[in-house]
């Protein structure tokens, strides 16, 4: 004889089916579409355009980083920059520029990539955008590639067609 638990589970598994194991037809709800209605792709929204703009800025800025072009890299930052780093603390524009200069001198092969699928972009009403992602930095140390991921938030200010980073929070190093 089967245990009561097995019989109970068997009963409830069969209760959801009609004869011959077929599922009951579902009742149409007012919000459901007939299957023949094509599903249209949504039109691009302002948020999608903003995402593309910030993704482009990220790629351009880090191309300058990977080329170790400090002046071109710093052109993406506003003069009133505040750069918060979980290990290094707070730095302003000139301290950040000096930090990149030292980094490139100490690690001439350092490179950065954006971790695929990690980019998030949010509008900041009347100001610009927040740029949130995970990045991967790699360089050779002791004849081996040394890589590490970190997370960041950048706040971009838009003035006409110009975008500048005013705040950076870099963390999880």
Protein backbone atom coordinates (compact mmCIF):
# COMPACT_ATOMS: atom_id res chain seq x y z
CA UNK A 1 0.00 0.00 0.00
CA UNK A 2 1.24 3.50 -0.87
CA UNK A 3 1.97 5.98 1.83
CA UNK A 4 -0.61 8.71 2.41
CA UNK A 5 1.87 11.42 1.29
CA UNK A 6 2.50 9.76 -2.09
CA UNK A 7 -1.23 9.29 -2.62
CA UNK A 8 -1.86 12.93 -1.69
CA UNK A 9 0.80 14.19 -4.14
CA UNK A 10 -0.48 11.89 -6.89
CA UNK A 11 -4.03 13.13 -6.39
CA UNK A 12 -3.03 16.78 -6.63
CA UNK A 13 -0.80 16.24 -9.64
CA UNK A 14 -3.68 14.62 -11.52
CA UNK A 15 -6.25 17.15 -10.34
CA UNK A 16 -4.75 19.83 -12.60
CA UNK A 17 -5.33 17.78 -15.77
CA UNK A 18 -8.34 16.69 -17.74
CA UNK A 19 -8.76 13.35 -19.48
CA UNK A 20 -5.70 11.93 -21.22
CA UNK A 21 -3.36 14.28 -19.35
CA UNK A 22 -4.40 17.35 -21.33
CA UNK A 23 -4.35 20.70 -19.58
CA UNK A 24 -7.60 22.51 -19.17
CA UNK A 25 -7.99 25.38 -21.59
CA UNK A 26 -7.35 28.68 -19.89
CA UNK A 27 -10.07 31.25 -19.85
CA UNK A 28 -9.26 34.35 -21.84
CA UNK A 29 -8.75 37.40 -19.72
CA UNK A 30 -9.42 40.92 -20.92
CA UNK A 31 -5.69 41.69 -20.84
CA UNK A 32 -4.60 38.64 -22.86
CA UNK A 33 -3.94 38.94 -26.58
CA UNK A 34 -5.04 36.43 -29.16
CA UNK A 35 -2.03 34.36 -30.26
CA UNK A 36 -2.27 35.67 -33.84
CA UNK A 37 -1.53 39.26 -32.77
CA UNK A 38 2.08 40.08 -33.66
CA UNK A 39 4.24 41.36 -30.83
CA UNK A 40 5.84 44.61 -31.87
CA UNK A 41 9.21 45.73 -30.59
CA UNK A 42 8.96 48.88 -28.50
CA UNK A 43 10.10 52.12 -30.07
CA UNK A 44 13.33 53.57 -28.64
CA UNK A 45 12.66 55.80 -25.67
CA UNK A 46 14.59 58.72 -24.29
CA UNK A 47 16.03 56.32 -21.71
CA UNK A 48 17.36 54.06 -24.52
CA UNK A 49 18.94 57.08 -26.20
CA UNK A 50 20.50 58.12 -22.90
CA UNK A 51 21.85 54.60 -22.43
CA UNK A 52 23.47 54.71 -25.88
CA UNK A 53 24.94 58.16 -25.18
CA UNK A 54 26.49 57.08 -21.86
CA UNK A 55 27.73 53.78 -23.33
CA UNK A 56 29.46 55.81 -26.06
CA UNK A 57 31.00 58.16 -23.48
CA UNK A 58 32.22 55.17 -21.43
CA UNK A 59 33.87 53.61 -24.50
CA UNK A 60 35.53 56.89 -25.54
CA UNK A 61 36.74 57.75 -22.06
CA UNK A 62 38.25 54.35 -21.43
CA UNK A 63 39.85 54.29 -24.89
CA UNK A 64 41.78 57.32 -23.61
CA UNK A 65 42.51 55.40 -20.37
CA UNK A 66 43.77 52.36 -22.31
CA UNK A 67 45.92 54.63 -24.50
CA UNK A 68 47.28 56.18 -21.27
CA UNK A 69 46.40 59.64 -22.60
CA UNK A 70 45.95 61.53 -19.32
CA UNK A 71 44.95 64.83 -20.94
CA UNK A 72 42.29 63.25 -23.15
CA UNK A 73 41.04 61.15 -20.21
CA UNK A 74 40.77 64.18 -17.93
CA UNK A 75 38.75 66.04 -20.59
CA UNK A 76 35.80 63.84 -19.52
CA UNK A 77 35.94 65.16 -15.94
CA UNK A 78 34.54 68.48 -14.70
CA UNK A 79 36.85 70.89 -12.86
CA UNK A 80 34.71 70.47 -9.72
CA UNK A 81 35.19 66.67 -9.76
CA UNK A 82 34.80 64.68 -6.55
CA UNK A 83 36.25 61.17 -6.91
CA UNK A 84 35.47 58.83 -4.02
CA UNK A 85 37.55 55.63 -3.94
CA UNK A 86 37.00 53.00 -1.26
CA UNK A 87 40.75 52.41 -0.87
CA UNK A 88 42.17 55.83 -1.78
CA UNK A 89 39.64 58.22 -0.27
CA UNK A 90 38.41 61.46 -1.80
CA UNK A 91 40.29 63.31 -4.52
CA UNK A 92 39.59 66.39 -6.61
CA UNK A 93 40.36 67.04 -10.28
CA UNK A 94 44.08 67.76 -9.90
CA UNK A 95 44.62 64.86 -7.46
CA UNK A 96 42.77 62.51 -9.84
CA UNK A 97 44.93 63.66 -12.76
CA UNK A 98 48.10 63.11 -10.71
CA UNK A 99 46.80 59.68 -9.69
CA UNK A 100 46.24 58.61 -13.30
CA UNK A 101 49.70 59.91 -14.25
CA UNK A 102 51.31 57.81 -11.47
CA UNK A 103 49.20 54.76 -12.33
CA UNK A 104 50.25 54.83 -16.00
CA UNK A 105 53.92 55.27 -15.03
CA UNK A 106 53.82 52.39 -12.54
CA UNK A 107 51.69 50.06 -14.70
CA UNK A 108 52.39 50.89 -18.34
CA UNK A 109 50.35 47.91 -19.53
CA UNK A 110 47.21 48.52 -17.44
CA UNK A 111 43.95 48.27 -19.35
CA UNK A 112 40.28 48.53 -18.52
CA UNK A 113 37.25 46.77 -19.96
CA UNK A 114 33.61 47.12 -19.10
CA UNK A 115 32.16 43.85 -17.81
CA UNK A 116 29.57 42.87 -20.44
CA UNK A 117 25.97 43.25 -19.33
CA UNK A 118 26.84 45.31 -16.25
CA UNK A 119 26.13 48.82 -17.59
CA UNK A 120 23.13 50.60 -16.12
CA UNK A 121 22.13 54.16 -16.95
CA UNK A 122 19.58 56.30 -15.15
CA UNK A 123 18.49 59.84 -15.96
CA UNK A 124 19.02 62.56 -13.37
CA UNK A 125 16.26 65.08 -14.00
CA UNK A 126 17.56 68.49 -14.99
CA UNK A 127 21.20 67.40 -14.61
CA UNK A 128 22.33 64.44 -16.71
CA UNK A 129 22.76 60.77 -15.92
CA UNK A 130 24.03 58.15 -13.49
CA UNK A 131 26.37 55.55 -14.99
CA UNK A 132 26.67 52.35 -12.95
CA UNK A 133 28.70 49.29 -13.94
CA UNK A 134 31.41 46.79 -13.17
CA UNK A 135 34.81 47.21 -14.77
CA UNK A 136 37.82 44.96 -15.07
CA UNK A 137 41.39 46.21 -14.86
CA UNK A 138 44.31 44.04 -15.98
CA UNK A 139 48.09 44.40 -15.98
CA UNK A 140 51.10 42.10 -15.85
CA UNK A 141 52.65 41.55 -12.44
CA UNK A 142 55.46 39.05 -11.76
CA UNK A 143 55.19 37.79 -15.36
CA UNK A 144 51.49 36.92 -14.92
CA UNK A 145 48.35 38.73 -15.92
CA UNK A 146 46.72 40.20 -12.82
CA UNK A 147 43.08 41.26 -13.19
CA UNK A 148 40.45 42.51 -10.82
CA UNK A 149 36.90 43.79 -10.99
CA UNK A 150 35.48 46.81 -9.25
CA UNK A 151 32.20 48.65 -9.33
CA UNK A 152 31.54 52.31 -9.93
CA UNK A 153 28.93 55.01 -10.13
CA UNK A 154 29.62 58.09 -12.24
CA UNK A 155 27.39 61.13 -12.33
CA UNK A 156 27.46 62.91 -15.68
CA UNK A 157 26.35 66.52 -16.05
CA UNK A 158 25.02 67.57 -19.44
CA UNK A 159 25.40 71.17 -20.55
CA UNK A 160 24.10 71.57 -24.10
CA UNK A 161 25.98 68.89 -26.10
CA UNK A 162 28.79 68.53 -23.55
CA UNK A 163 28.91 65.78 -20.93
CA UNK A 164 31.30 65.92 -17.95
CA UNK A 165 31.69 63.65 -14.95
CA UNK A 166 31.20 65.56 -11.70
CA UNK A 167 31.15 62.65 -9.22
CA UNK A 168 32.71 59.20 -9.17
CA UNK A 169 32.24 56.51 -6.55
CA UNK A 170 34.63 53.60 -7.15
CA UNK A 171 34.30 50.64 -4.80
CA UNK A 172 34.52 46.88 -4.21
CA UNK A 173 38.22 46.68 -5.09
